[in-house]
Amino acid sequence: MDQGGGAQESRRAGTAHPVAAGAADEAPYADASGEWTERPGEAARGEHSDGYWYPEHDSAIDLLAALRTYQAAHGDMRRRTSAGMDMNMTDLAALRHVIAHERHEEPLTPLGLARLLRISGASSSKLLDRLTASGHLQRVPNPDDRRSSVVVATDHGHTQVRERLDGLHTRMQEAAEQVPEEVRGEVAAFLRRIAGALDAESTSDAPLSSVERSSPAPAPRRR
């Protein structure tokens, strides 16, 4: 059974993947991407498991639910693309970063790429070795500093990204153009505020509260 196709159809219908039998009815439902979303059938009833996080349902919650649907679809797309190009998701992100900086005539150094990917220099070196061996990237002398190098995409790398993403980018632009021009600024501002909220989120170092467990009852005495 094609679970990937079912996931896409579920998102179009506003539902999530089927839950396992016996799952707690009150628990929030997470799809394959790990995002909290509606249980099957809830969207059709106008209900959301988002009540687990938010006290009341209103149109603002619909916006957040739609945003999570997009996040799940985007994650699925990245996994499919990286699998189709026979590379992991970090390698794909590296290739896209390099191509984006080339288009802006701001070539990346290996260190700059490592910072964008939030990985160590050693991990970045191994990544570049992999993508160089696969023919997607290459290191060339830095035109501004011959003592260092910059990373550029090969013709093969450019071709693969174009073949796999150009159609997607066209469809995304067409979807964006369907948003009325007079509200596009508000939509963009909303998405930037969401990005700011995510960037500002910090995980507390404080340990989670422990569950108090009652002492087990003594075993009955045998007569």
N, C-alpha and C. Protein backbone atom coordinates (compact mmCIF):
# COMPACT_ATOMS: atom_id res chain seq x y z
N MET A 1 0.85 -1.21 0.00
CA MET A 1 0.00 0.00 0.00
C MET A 1 0.87 1.24 0.00
N ASP A 2 0.54 2.24 -0.84
CA ASP A 2 1.36 3.45 -0.95
C ASP A 2 0.97 4.41 0.15
N GLN A 3 1.74 4.38 1.24
CA GLN A 3 1.40 5.26 2.37
C GLN A 3 1.67 6.70 2.05
N GLY A 4 2.72 6.98 1.20
CA GLY A 4 3.03 8.37 0.86
C GLY A 4 1.87 9.03 0.15
N GLY A 5 1.26 8.30 -0.86
CA GLY A 5 0.13 8.86 -1.57
C GLY A 5 -1.03 9.10 -0.64
N GLY A 6 -1.25 8.17 0.30
CA GLY A 6 -2.34 8.34 1.26
C GLY A 6 -2.14 9.55 2.12
N ALA A 7 -0.87 9.83 2.48
CA ALA A 7 -0.59 11.01 3.30
C ALA A 7 -0.93 12.27 2.55
N GLN A 8 -0.59 12.30 1.21
CA GLN A 8 -0.89 13.50 0.44
C GLN A 8 -2.39 13.69 0.31
N GLU A 9 -3.13 12.58 0.03
CA GLU A 9 -4.58 12.69 -0.08
C GLU A 9 -5.19 13.14 1.23
N SER A 10 -4.63 12.65 2.37
CA SER A 10 -5.16 13.04 3.68
C SER A 10 -5.01 14.52 3.90
N ARG A 11 -3.85 15.09 3.47
CA ARG A 11 -3.65 16.52 3.66
C ARG A 11 -4.63 17.31 2.83
N ARG A 12 -4.87 16.85 1.58
CA ARG A 12 -5.81 17.58 0.74
C ARG A 12 -7.21 17.59 1.35
N ALA A 13 -7.55 16.49 2.01
CA ALA A 13 -8.87 16.38 2.61
C ALA A 13 -8.94 17.03 3.98
N GLY A 14 -7.78 17.46 4.50
CA GLY A 14 -7.76 18.10 5.81
C GLY A 14 -7.71 17.11 6.94
N THR A 15 -7.30 15.85 6.67
CA THR A 15 -7.20 14.85 7.71
C THR A 15 -5.79 14.36 7.80
N ALA A 16 -5.51 13.57 8.83
CA ALA A 16 -4.17 13.06 9.04
C ALA A 16 -4.17 11.56 8.82
N HIS A 17 -3.00 10.93 9.03
CA HIS A 17 -2.91 9.49 8.86
C HIS A 17 -3.78 8.78 9.89
N PRO A 18 -4.28 7.58 9.56
CA PRO A 18 -5.10 6.84 10.52
C PRO A 18 -4.32 6.53 11.78
N VAL A 19 -4.98 6.62 12.90
CA VAL A 19 -4.31 6.32 14.16
C VAL A 19 -4.38 4.84 14.44
N ALA A 20 -3.46 4.37 15.24
CA ALA A 20 -3.45 2.96 15.59
C ALA A 20 -4.62 2.64 16.49
N ALA A 21 -5.12 1.42 16.37
CA ALA A 21 -6.25 1.00 17.19
C ALA A 21 -5.87 1.08 18.65
N GLY A 22 -6.79 1.61 19.46
CA GLY A 22 -6.53 1.68 20.89
C GLY A 22 -5.86 2.96 21.32
N ALA A 23 -5.59 3.91 20.38
CA ALA A 23 -4.95 5.17 20.78
C ALA A 23 -5.92 5.94 21.65
N ALA A 24 -5.37 6.69 22.60
CA ALA A 24 -6.22 7.45 23.52
C ALA A 24 -6.96 8.52 22.75
N ASP A 25 -8.27 8.64 22.99
CA ASP A 25 -9.08 9.59 22.25
C ASP A 25 -8.69 11.02 22.55
N GLU A 26 -8.21 11.29 23.73
CA GLU A 26 -7.93 12.66 24.12
C GLU A 26 -6.51 13.09 23.75
N ALA A 27 -5.67 12.16 23.30
CA ALA A 27 -4.28 12.52 23.02
C ALA A 27 -4.19 13.32 21.74
N PRO A 28 -3.26 14.30 21.64
CA PRO A 28 -3.05 15.02 20.38
C PRO A 28 -2.53 14.05 19.35
N TYR A 29 -2.88 14.27 18.09
CA TYR A 29 -2.51 13.34 17.03
C TYR A 29 -1.33 13.89 16.26
N ALA A 30 -0.29 13.09 16.09
CA ALA A 30 0.88 13.49 15.32
C ALA A 30 0.94 12.67 14.05
N ASP A 31 1.19 13.34 12.90
CA ASP A 31 1.32 12.59 11.66
C ASP A 31 2.75 12.11 11.50
N ALA A 32 3.09 11.57 10.30
CA ALA A 32 4.40 10.97 10.09
C ALA A 32 5.53 11.99 10.22
N SER A 33 5.23 13.27 10.03
CA SER A 33 6.27 14.28 10.13
C SER A 33 6.51 14.70 11.57
N GLY A 34 5.66 14.23 12.50
CA GLY A 34 5.81 14.64 13.89
C GLY A 34 5.01 15.88 14.22
N GLU A 35 4.25 16.42 13.24
CA GLU A 35 3.47 17.62 13.48
C GLU A 35 2.12 17.26 14.09
N TRP A 36 1.68 18.02 15.10
CA TRP A 36 0.35 17.80 15.66
C TRP A 36 -0.66 18.26 14.63
N THR A 37 -1.68 17.46 14.42
CA THR A 37 -2.69 17.80 13.41
C THR A 37 -4.02 17.19 13.80
N GLU A 38 -5.02 17.28 12.89
CA GLU A 38 -6.34 16.77 13.21
C GLU A 38 -6.34 15.24 13.17
N ARG A 39 -7.22 14.66 13.98
CA ARG A 39 -7.48 13.23 13.82
C ARG A 39 -8.37 13.05 12.59
N PRO A 40 -8.38 11.86 12.00
CA PRO A 40 -9.26 11.62 10.86
C PRO A 40 -10.70 11.98 11.18
N GLY A 41 -11.31 12.77 10.29
CA GLY A 41 -12.71 13.12 10.46
C GLY A 41 -12.94 14.39 11.23
N GLU A 42 -11.94 14.87 11.99
CA GLU A 42 -12.16 16.06 12.81
C GLU A 42 -12.32 17.30 11.96
N ALA A 43 -11.52 17.39 10.86
CA ALA A 43 -11.61 18.58 10.02
C ALA A 43 -12.98 18.69 9.39
N ALA A 44 -13.56 17.54 9.03
CA ALA A 44 -14.88 17.56 8.42
C ALA A 44 -15.93 18.06 9.39
N ARG A 45 -15.72 17.83 10.68
CA ARG A 45 -16.68 18.29 11.70
C ARG A 45 -16.38 19.70 12.17
N GLY A 46 -15.28 20.28 11.63
CA GLY A 46 -14.91 21.60 12.08
C GLY A 46 -14.23 21.58 13.43
N GLU A 47 -13.71 20.40 13.84
CA GLU A 47 -13.06 20.29 15.14
C GLU A 47 -11.56 20.08 14.94
N HIS A 48 -10.80 20.46 15.94
CA HIS A 48 -9.34 20.34 15.85
C HIS A 48 -8.79 19.83 17.17
N SER A 49 -7.78 18.98 17.06
CA SER A 49 -7.09 18.57 18.29
C SER A 49 -6.21 19.70 18.80
N ASP A 50 -6.19 20.85 18.03
CA ASP A 50 -5.41 21.99 18.49
C ASP A 50 -5.91 22.48 19.84
N GLY A 51 -7.12 22.08 20.24
CA GLY A 51 -7.61 22.45 21.55
C GLY A 51 -6.71 21.94 22.65
N TYR A 52 -5.89 20.94 22.33
CA TYR A 52 -4.92 20.46 23.30
C TYR A 52 -3.97 21.58 23.68
N TRP A 53 -3.64 22.45 22.70
CA TRP A 53 -2.73 23.57 22.95
C TRP A 53 -3.47 24.88 23.16
N TYR A 54 -4.60 25.06 22.50
CA TYR A 54 -5.32 26.33 22.54
C TYR A 54 -6.69 26.13 23.16
N PRO A 55 -7.12 27.04 24.03
CA PRO A 55 -8.37 26.83 24.77
C PRO A 55 -9.63 26.90 23.92
N GLU A 56 -9.63 27.69 22.85
CA GLU A 56 -10.83 27.85 22.06
C GLU A 56 -10.51 27.73 20.58
N HIS A 57 -11.52 27.35 19.81
CA HIS A 57 -11.36 27.25 18.36
C HIS A 57 -11.87 28.54 17.72
N ASP A 58 -11.09 29.12 16.84
CA ASP A 58 -11.54 30.25 16.04
C ASP A 58 -10.76 30.25 14.74
N SER A 59 -10.98 31.26 13.89
CA SER A 59 -10.35 31.29 12.58
C SER A 59 -8.83 31.43 12.68
N ALA A 60 -8.32 31.99 13.78
CA ALA A 60 -6.87 32.09 13.95
C ALA A 60 -6.25 30.70 14.08
N ILE A 61 -7.00 29.79 14.75
CA ILE A 61 -6.51 28.42 14.89
C ILE A 61 -6.52 27.72 13.54
N ASP A 62 -7.48 28.06 12.68
CA ASP A 62 -7.49 27.51 11.32
C ASP A 62 -6.21 27.89 10.58
N LEU A 63 -5.75 29.13 10.79
CA LEU A 63 -4.51 29.57 10.15
C LEU A 63 -3.33 28.71 10.61
N LEU A 64 -3.25 28.47 11.91
CA LEU A 64 -2.14 27.68 12.44
C LEU A 64 -2.22 26.23 11.95
N ALA A 65 -3.44 25.69 11.86
CA ALA A 65 -3.60 24.33 11.35
C ALA A 65 -3.16 24.24 9.89
N ALA A 66 -3.52 25.25 9.10
CA ALA A 66 -3.09 25.28 7.69
C ALA A 66 -1.58 25.39 7.58
N LEU A 67 -0.99 26.16 8.49
CA LEU A 67 0.46 26.31 8.48
C LEU A 67 1.15 24.99 8.78
N ARG A 68 0.60 24.23 9.73
CA ARG A 68 1.20 22.93 10.04
C ARG A 68 1.00 21.94 8.90
N THR A 69 -0.12 22.06 8.18
CA THR A 69 -0.33 21.21 7.00
C THR A 69 0.75 21.51 5.96
N TYR A 70 1.05 22.81 5.77
CA TYR A 70 2.13 23.18 4.85
C TYR A 70 3.47 22.63 5.32
N GLN A 71 3.75 22.75 6.63
CA GLN A 71 5.02 22.26 7.15
C GLN A 71 5.18 20.76 6.90
N ALA A 72 4.10 20.01 7.11
CA ALA A 72 4.17 18.57 6.88
C ALA A 72 4.39 18.25 5.41
N ALA A 73 3.68 18.98 4.52
CA ALA A 73 3.85 18.76 3.08
C ALA A 73 5.27 19.12 2.64
N HIS A 74 5.80 20.20 3.17
CA HIS A 74 7.15 20.63 2.82
C HIS A 74 8.19 19.60 3.28
N GLY A 75 8.00 19.07 4.48
CA GLY A 75 8.91 18.05 4.97
C GLY A 75 8.86 16.79 4.12
N ASP A 76 7.64 16.39 3.72
CA ASP A 76 7.49 15.22 2.86
C ASP A 76 8.18 15.44 1.52
N MET A 77 8.01 16.64 0.95
CA MET A 77 8.63 16.95 -0.33
C MET A 77 10.15 16.88 -0.25
N ARG A 78 10.72 17.41 0.84
CA ARG A 78 12.18 17.38 0.98
C ARG A 78 12.69 15.95 1.10
N ARG A 79 11.94 15.12 1.82
CA ARG A 79 12.36 13.72 1.94
C ARG A 79 12.30 13.00 0.59
N ARG A 80 11.23 13.25 -0.17
CA ARG A 80 11.12 12.61 -1.48
C ARG A 80 12.23 13.08 -2.42
N THR A 81 12.50 14.39 -2.40
CA THR A 81 13.51 14.94 -3.29
C THR A 81 14.89 14.40 -2.97
N SER A 82 15.24 14.39 -1.68
CA SER A 82 16.57 13.89 -1.30
C SER A 82 16.71 12.41 -1.62
N ALA A 83 15.62 11.63 -1.41
CA ALA A 83 15.68 10.21 -1.74
C ALA A 83 15.84 10.01 -3.23
N GLY A 84 15.13 10.82 -4.03
CA GLY A 84 15.22 10.71 -5.48
C GLY A 84 16.59 11.07 -6.02
N MET A 85 17.31 11.93 -5.30
CA MET A 85 18.66 12.33 -5.71
C MET A 85 19.73 11.50 -5.00
N ASP A 86 19.30 10.49 -4.26
CA ASP A 86 20.21 9.57 -3.58
C ASP A 86 21.15 10.31 -2.63
N MET A 87 20.58 11.22 -1.85
CA MET A 87 21.37 11.94 -0.84
C MET A 87 20.50 12.20 0.37
N ASN A 88 21.12 12.49 1.51
CA ASN A 88 20.32 12.79 2.68
C ASN A 88 19.84 14.24 2.65
N MET A 89 18.98 14.60 3.60
CA MET A 89 18.36 15.93 3.57
C MET A 89 19.35 17.05 3.84
N THR A 90 20.38 16.78 4.64
CA THR A 90 21.40 17.80 4.88
C THR A 90 22.21 18.05 3.62
N ASP A 91 22.52 16.99 2.87
CA ASP A 91 23.24 17.16 1.61
C ASP A 91 22.41 17.99 0.63
N LEU A 92 21.10 17.70 0.57
CA LEU A 92 20.23 18.46 -0.33
C LEU A 92 20.17 19.93 0.09
N ALA A 93 20.09 20.18 1.39
CA ALA A 93 20.07 21.56 1.88
C ALA A 93 21.37 22.27 1.50
N ALA A 94 22.48 21.57 1.61
CA ALA A 94 23.77 22.16 1.24
C ALA A 94 23.79 22.55 -0.23
N LEU A 95 23.31 21.66 -1.09
CA LEU A 95 23.28 21.95 -2.52
C LEU A 95 22.41 23.15 -2.83
N ARG A 96 21.26 23.24 -2.17
CA ARG A 96 20.36 24.37 -2.41
C ARG A 96 20.97 25.67 -1.90
N HIS A 97 21.64 25.64 -0.74
CA HIS A 97 22.30 26.84 -0.23
C HIS A 97 23.38 27.33 -1.20
N VAL A 98 24.16 26.40 -1.70
CA VAL A 98 25.25 26.77 -2.60
C VAL A 98 24.70 27.41 -3.87
N ILE A 99 23.66 26.81 -4.45
CA ILE A 99 23.08 27.36 -5.68
C ILE A 99 22.45 28.72 -5.43
N ALA A 100 21.76 28.88 -4.30
CA ALA A 100 21.13 30.17 -3.98
C ALA A 100 22.18 31.26 -3.85
N HIS A 101 23.31 30.96 -3.20
CA HIS A 101 24.36 31.97 -3.05
C HIS A 101 25.05 32.27 -4.37
N GLU A 102 25.16 31.28 -5.24
CA GLU A 102 25.73 31.54 -6.57
C GLU A 102 24.86 32.52 -7.34
N ARG A 103 23.54 32.34 -7.25
CA ARG A 103 22.63 33.23 -7.98
C ARG A 103 22.74 34.66 -7.50
N HIS A 104 23.08 34.84 -6.23
CA HIS A 104 23.25 36.19 -5.69
C HIS A 104 24.71 36.65 -5.75
N GLU A 105 25.53 35.85 -6.45
CA GLU A 105 26.96 36.16 -6.62
C GLU A 105 27.64 36.35 -5.27
N GLU A 106 27.25 35.48 -4.33
CA GLU A 106 27.88 35.47 -3.01
C GLU A 106 28.32 34.04 -2.68
N PRO A 107 29.37 33.56 -3.36
CA PRO A 107 29.77 32.16 -3.17
C PRO A 107 30.11 31.85 -1.72
N LEU A 108 29.77 30.64 -1.32
CA LEU A 108 29.97 30.21 0.06
C LEU A 108 31.35 29.58 0.25
N THR A 109 31.96 29.88 1.37
CA THR A 109 33.15 29.15 1.79
C THR A 109 32.69 27.89 2.52
N PRO A 110 33.55 26.91 2.67
CA PRO A 110 33.16 25.73 3.45
C PRO A 110 32.68 26.09 4.86
N LEU A 111 33.35 27.08 5.49
CA LEU A 111 32.94 27.49 6.83
C LEU A 111 31.57 28.15 6.80
N GLY A 112 31.33 28.98 5.79
CA GLY A 112 30.03 29.62 5.67
C GLY A 112 28.91 28.62 5.47
N LEU A 113 29.18 27.58 4.70
CA LEU A 113 28.19 26.53 4.49
C LEU A 113 27.92 25.78 5.79
N ALA A 114 28.97 25.50 6.53
CA ALA A 114 28.80 24.80 7.81
C ALA A 114 27.92 25.61 8.76
N ARG A 115 28.11 26.92 8.78
CA ARG A 115 27.30 27.77 9.66
C ARG A 115 25.83 27.75 9.24
N LEU A 116 25.57 27.80 7.94
CA LEU A 116 24.19 27.77 7.46
C LEU A 116 23.51 26.45 7.81
N LEU A 117 24.27 25.37 7.73
CA LEU A 117 23.71 24.05 8.03
C LEU A 117 23.73 23.73 9.51
N ARG A 118 24.42 24.59 10.29
CA ARG A 118 24.56 24.39 11.74
C ARG A 118 25.21 23.04 12.06
N ILE A 119 26.29 22.77 11.35
CA ILE A 119 27.06 21.56 11.60
C ILE A 119 28.51 21.96 11.84
N SER A 120 29.30 21.04 12.35
CA SER A 120 30.69 21.33 12.66
C SER A 120 31.53 21.38 11.38
N GLY A 121 32.73 21.93 11.50
CA GLY A 121 33.63 21.98 10.37
C GLY A 121 33.98 20.58 9.88
N ALA A 122 34.18 19.66 10.82
CA ALA A 122 34.51 18.28 10.45
C ALA A 122 33.36 17.63 9.67
N SER A 123 32.13 17.85 10.13
CA SER A 123 30.98 17.29 9.44
C SER A 123 30.81 17.93 8.06
N SER A 124 31.07 19.24 7.99
CA SER A 124 30.98 19.93 6.71
C SER A 124 32.01 19.39 5.72
N SER A 125 33.21 19.10 6.20
CA SER A 125 34.25 18.56 5.33
C SER A 125 33.83 17.21 4.76
N LYS A 126 33.24 16.35 5.60
CA LYS A 126 32.78 15.04 5.12
C LYS A 126 31.64 15.20 4.11
N LEU A 127 30.73 16.15 4.39
CA LEU A 127 29.62 16.41 3.48
C LEU A 127 30.14 16.85 2.12
N LEU A 128 31.11 17.77 2.12
CA LEU A 128 31.67 18.26 0.86
C LEU A 128 32.40 17.15 0.11
N ASP A 129 33.07 16.28 0.84
CA ASP A 129 33.73 15.14 0.19
C ASP A 129 32.70 14.26 -0.51
N ARG A 130 31.55 14.02 0.16
CA ARG A 130 30.51 13.19 -0.43
C ARG A 130 29.95 13.83 -1.70
N LEU A 131 29.60 15.12 -1.61
CA LEU A 131 28.97 15.78 -2.74
C LEU A 131 29.95 16.08 -3.87
N THR A 132 31.22 16.15 -3.54
CA THR A 132 32.23 16.27 -4.59
C THR A 132 32.38 14.94 -5.33
N ALA A 133 32.42 13.85 -4.55
CA ALA A 133 32.54 12.52 -5.15
C ALA A 133 31.32 12.18 -6.01
N SER A 134 30.14 12.66 -5.61
CA SER A 134 28.92 12.37 -6.37
C SER A 134 28.76 13.29 -7.58
N GLY A 135 29.62 14.30 -7.69
CA GLY A 135 29.58 15.19 -8.84
C GLY A 135 28.61 16.35 -8.72
N HIS A 136 28.14 16.65 -7.49
CA HIS A 136 27.18 17.75 -7.30
C HIS A 136 27.86 19.08 -6.97
N LEU A 137 28.94 19.04 -6.20
CA LEU A 137 29.64 20.25 -5.78
C LEU A 137 31.14 20.11 -6.08
N GLN A 138 31.80 21.27 -6.06
CA GLN A 138 33.26 21.25 -6.15
C GLN A 138 33.83 22.46 -5.42
N ARG A 139 35.04 22.28 -4.94
CA ARG A 139 35.75 23.38 -4.30
C ARG A 139 36.63 24.05 -5.36
N VAL A 140 36.58 25.39 -5.38
CA VAL A 140 37.42 26.16 -6.32
C VAL A 140 38.09 27.28 -5.54
N PRO A 141 39.21 27.82 -6.05
CA PRO A 141 39.89 28.92 -5.34
C PRO A 141 38.95 30.11 -5.13
N ASN A 142 39.06 30.72 -3.96
CA ASN A 142 38.26 31.91 -3.64
C ASN A 142 38.79 33.09 -4.45
N PRO A 143 37.97 33.70 -5.30
CA PRO A 143 38.47 34.83 -6.11
C PRO A 143 38.89 36.03 -5.28
N ASP A 144 38.37 36.13 -4.05
CA ASP A 144 38.71 37.26 -3.19
C ASP A 144 39.87 36.94 -2.26
N ASP A 145 40.19 35.68 -2.11
CA ASP A 145 41.28 35.28 -1.21
C ASP A 145 41.81 33.93 -1.67
N ARG A 146 42.89 33.94 -2.41
CA ARG A 146 43.42 32.72 -3.00
C ARG A 146 43.89 31.71 -1.97
N ARG A 147 44.00 32.14 -0.72
CA ARG A 147 44.43 31.20 0.32
C ARG A 147 43.29 30.28 0.76
N SER A 148 42.06 30.64 0.39
CA SER A 148 40.91 29.83 0.78
C SER A 148 40.15 29.37 -0.46
N SER A 149 39.10 28.63 -0.25
CA SER A 149 38.31 28.12 -1.36
C SER A 149 36.84 28.45 -1.15
N VAL A 150 36.06 28.35 -2.22
CA VAL A 150 34.62 28.50 -2.15
C VAL A 150 34.00 27.25 -2.75
N VAL A 151 32.72 27.05 -2.44
CA VAL A 151 32.01 25.87 -2.92
C VAL A 151 31.04 26.28 -4.01
N VAL A 152 31.07 25.60 -5.13
CA VAL A 152 30.16 25.89 -6.24
C VAL A 152 29.50 24.59 -6.69
N ALA A 153 28.33 24.74 -7.30
CA ALA A 153 27.62 23.58 -7.82
C ALA A 153 28.12 23.26 -9.22
N THR A 154 28.18 22.00 -9.54
CA THR A 154 28.56 21.56 -10.88
C THR A 154 27.35 21.66 -11.82
N ASP A 155 27.60 21.48 -13.11
CA ASP A 155 26.49 21.45 -14.07
C ASP A 155 25.51 20.34 -13.71
N HIS A 156 26.05 19.20 -13.27
CA HIS A 156 25.20 18.07 -12.86
C HIS A 156 24.31 18.46 -11.67
N GLY A 157 24.89 19.16 -10.69
CA GLY A 157 24.12 19.60 -9.53
C GLY A 157 23.01 20.56 -9.92
N HIS A 158 23.35 21.53 -10.78
CA HIS A 158 22.34 22.49 -11.24
C HIS A 158 21.21 21.78 -11.99
N THR A 159 21.57 20.85 -12.85
CA THR A 159 20.57 20.14 -13.66
C THR A 159 19.62 19.35 -12.79
N GLN A 160 20.16 18.64 -11.81
CA GLN A 160 19.29 17.83 -10.94
C GLN A 160 18.32 18.69 -10.15
N VAL A 161 18.81 19.80 -9.62
CA VAL A 161 17.92 20.68 -8.84
C VAL A 161 16.85 21.29 -9.74
N ARG A 162 17.25 21.73 -10.93
CA ARG A 162 16.27 22.29 -11.86
C ARG A 162 15.19 21.28 -12.22
N GLU A 163 15.63 20.07 -12.55
CA GLU A 163 14.67 19.05 -12.97
C GLU A 163 13.67 18.71 -11.87
N ARG A 164 14.12 18.74 -10.63
CA ARG A 164 13.26 18.30 -9.53
C ARG A 164 12.47 19.43 -8.88
N LEU A 165 12.96 20.66 -8.97
CA LEU A 165 12.33 21.75 -8.21
C LEU A 165 11.71 22.85 -9.05
N ASP A 166 12.09 22.97 -10.34
CA ASP A 166 11.55 24.08 -11.13
C ASP A 166 10.02 24.00 -11.23
N GLY A 167 9.49 22.79 -11.49
CA GLY A 167 8.04 22.65 -11.58
C GLY A 167 7.36 23.00 -10.27
N LEU A 168 7.95 22.58 -9.17
CA LEU A 168 7.39 22.88 -7.85
C LEU A 168 7.37 24.38 -7.61
N HIS A 169 8.47 25.05 -7.92
CA HIS A 169 8.54 26.50 -7.69
C HIS A 169 7.50 27.23 -8.54
N THR A 170 7.27 26.75 -9.77
CA THR A 170 6.26 27.37 -10.63
C THR A 170 4.87 27.21 -10.01
N ARG A 171 4.56 26.01 -9.52
CA ARG A 171 3.24 25.78 -8.91
C ARG A 171 3.07 26.60 -7.63
N MET A 172 4.14 26.74 -6.85
CA MET A 172 4.05 27.54 -5.63
C MET A 172 3.82 29.01 -5.97
N GLN A 173 4.48 29.51 -7.02
CA GLN A 173 4.27 30.90 -7.42
C GLN A 173 2.84 31.11 -7.90
N GLU A 174 2.32 30.12 -8.66
CA GLU A 174 0.93 30.23 -9.12
C GLU A 174 -0.04 30.27 -7.94
N ALA A 175 0.24 29.47 -6.91
CA ALA A 175 -0.63 29.48 -5.72
C ALA A 175 -0.54 30.83 -5.02
N ALA A 176 0.67 31.40 -4.94
CA ALA A 176 0.84 32.70 -4.29
C ALA A 176 0.13 33.80 -5.06
N GLU A 177 0.12 33.69 -6.38
CA GLU A 177 -0.52 34.73 -7.20
C GLU A 177 -2.03 34.70 -7.06
N GLN A 178 -2.59 33.59 -6.54
CA GLN A 178 -4.04 33.53 -6.31
C GLN A 178 -4.46 34.27 -5.05
N VAL A 179 -3.50 34.62 -4.21
CA VAL A 179 -3.82 35.43 -3.03
C VAL A 179 -4.07 36.86 -3.50
N PRO A 180 -5.20 37.47 -3.13
CA PRO A 180 -5.48 38.85 -3.57
C PRO A 180 -4.32 39.78 -3.24
N GLU A 181 -3.95 40.60 -4.20
CA GLU A 181 -2.77 41.45 -4.05
C GLU A 181 -2.87 42.36 -2.84
N GLU A 182 -4.09 42.80 -2.50
CA GLU A 182 -4.24 43.76 -1.41
C GLU A 182 -3.98 43.14 -0.03
N VAL A 183 -3.97 41.80 0.07
CA VAL A 183 -3.71 41.18 1.37
C VAL A 183 -2.38 40.43 1.41
N ARG A 184 -1.63 40.44 0.31
CA ARG A 184 -0.37 39.70 0.29
C ARG A 184 0.61 40.22 1.34
N GLY A 185 0.61 41.53 1.54
CA GLY A 185 1.51 42.10 2.55
C GLY A 185 1.16 41.59 3.94
N GLU A 186 -0.14 41.47 4.24
CA GLU A 186 -0.56 40.97 5.55
C GLU A 186 -0.19 39.50 5.72
N VAL A 187 -0.35 38.72 4.65
CA VAL A 187 0.03 37.31 4.72
C VAL A 187 1.52 37.17 4.96
N ALA A 188 2.32 37.95 4.22
CA ALA A 188 3.77 37.90 4.38
C ALA A 188 4.17 38.31 5.80
N ALA A 189 3.50 39.34 6.32
CA ALA A 189 3.82 39.80 7.67
C ALA A 189 3.47 38.73 8.70
N PHE A 190 2.35 38.04 8.51
CA PHE A 190 1.96 36.96 9.42
C PHE A 190 3.02 35.85 9.43
N LEU A 191 3.46 35.44 8.25
CA LEU A 191 4.46 34.37 8.18
C LEU A 191 5.77 34.81 8.82
N ARG A 192 6.13 36.07 8.67
CA ARG A 192 7.37 36.55 9.31
C ARG A 192 7.21 36.59 10.83
N ARG A 193 6.02 36.92 11.30
CA ARG A 193 5.79 36.91 12.76
C ARG A 193 5.88 35.49 13.30
N ILE A 194 5.35 34.52 12.54
CA ILE A 194 5.47 33.12 12.95
C ILE A 194 6.94 32.71 12.98
N ALA A 195 7.69 33.10 11.96
CA ALA A 195 9.13 32.78 11.94
C ALA A 195 9.84 33.40 13.13
N GLY A 196 9.45 34.64 13.46
CA GLY A 196 10.05 35.29 14.62
C GLY A 196 9.71 34.58 15.92
N ALA A 197 8.47 34.10 16.02
CA ALA A 197 8.07 33.36 17.23
C ALA A 197 8.88 32.07 17.37
N LEU A 198 9.11 31.40 16.25
CA LEU A 198 9.90 30.16 16.28
C LEU A 198 11.36 30.46 16.63
N ASP A 199 11.90 31.53 16.04
CA ASP A 199 13.29 31.89 16.33
C ASP A 199 13.48 32.28 17.80
N ALA A 200 12.45 32.89 18.38
CA ALA A 200 12.56 33.35 19.76
C ALA A 200 12.36 32.24 20.77
N GLU A 201 11.82 31.11 20.32
CA GLU A 201 11.55 30.01 21.24
C GLU A 201 12.86 29.43 21.75
N SER A 202 12.94 29.24 23.04
CA SER A 202 14.12 28.63 23.65
C SER A 202 13.67 27.51 24.55
N THR A 203 14.43 26.46 24.57
CA THR A 203 14.11 25.32 25.42
C THR A 203 14.74 25.51 26.78
N SER A 204 13.96 25.40 27.80
CA SER A 204 14.48 25.57 29.15
C SER A 204 15.42 24.43 29.51
N ASP A 205 16.49 24.78 30.21
CA ASP A 205 17.44 23.76 30.68
C ASP A 205 16.93 23.08 31.95
N ALA A 206 15.87 23.62 32.51
CA ALA A 206 15.36 23.04 33.75
C ALA A 206 14.82 21.65 33.48
N PRO A 207 15.06 20.70 34.38
CA PRO A 207 14.56 19.34 34.15
C PRO A 207 13.04 19.30 34.24
N LEU A 208 12.45 18.39 33.49
CA LEU A 208 11.01 18.22 33.54
C LEU A 208 10.61 17.69 34.91
N SER A 209 9.43 18.08 35.34
CA SER A 209 8.96 17.59 36.63
C SER A 209 8.76 16.08 36.56
N SER A 210 9.16 15.41 37.59
CA SER A 210 9.06 13.96 37.60
C SER A 210 7.67 13.54 38.04
N VAL A 211 7.28 12.37 37.60
CA VAL A 211 5.97 11.83 37.97
C VAL A 211 6.10 11.17 39.33
N GLU A 212 5.21 11.58 40.22
CA GLU A 212 5.23 10.96 41.54
C GLU A 212 4.54 9.61 41.47
N ARG A 213 5.25 8.59 41.80
CA ARG A 213 4.70 7.24 41.74
C ARG A 213 4.39 6.76 43.16
N SER A 214 3.22 6.23 43.33
CA SER A 214 2.85 5.71 44.65
C SER A 214 3.58 4.40 44.89
N SER A 215 3.84 4.13 46.14
CA SER A 215 4.52 2.88 46.48
C SER A 215 3.61 1.70 46.16
N PRO A 216 4.17 0.63 45.62
CA PRO A 216 3.34 -0.53 45.29
C PRO A 216 2.73 -1.13 46.55
N ALA A 217 1.52 -1.61 46.38
CA ALA A 217 0.83 -2.26 47.50
C ALA A 217 1.55 -3.53 47.90
N PRO A 218 1.64 -3.81 49.18
CA PRO A 218 2.34 -5.05 49.60
C PRO A 218 1.60 -6.28 49.10
N ALA A 219 2.38 -7.28 48.74
CA ALA A 219 1.79 -8.52 48.24
C ALA A 219 1.00 -9.21 49.36
N PRO A 220 -0.13 -9.78 49.04
CA PRO A 220 -0.91 -10.46 50.08
C PRO A 220 -0.14 -11.65 50.65
N ARG A 221 -0.30 -11.82 51.94
CA ARG A 221 0.38 -12.96 52.59
C ARG A 221 -0.31 -14.27 52.25
N ARG A 222 0.50 -15.25 52.07
CA ARG A 222 -0.06 -16.58 51.82
C ARG A 222 -0.46 -17.23 53.13
N ARG A 223 -1.59 -17.86 53.11
CA ARG A 223 -2.07 -18.53 54.32
C ARG A 223 -1.56 -19.98 54.38
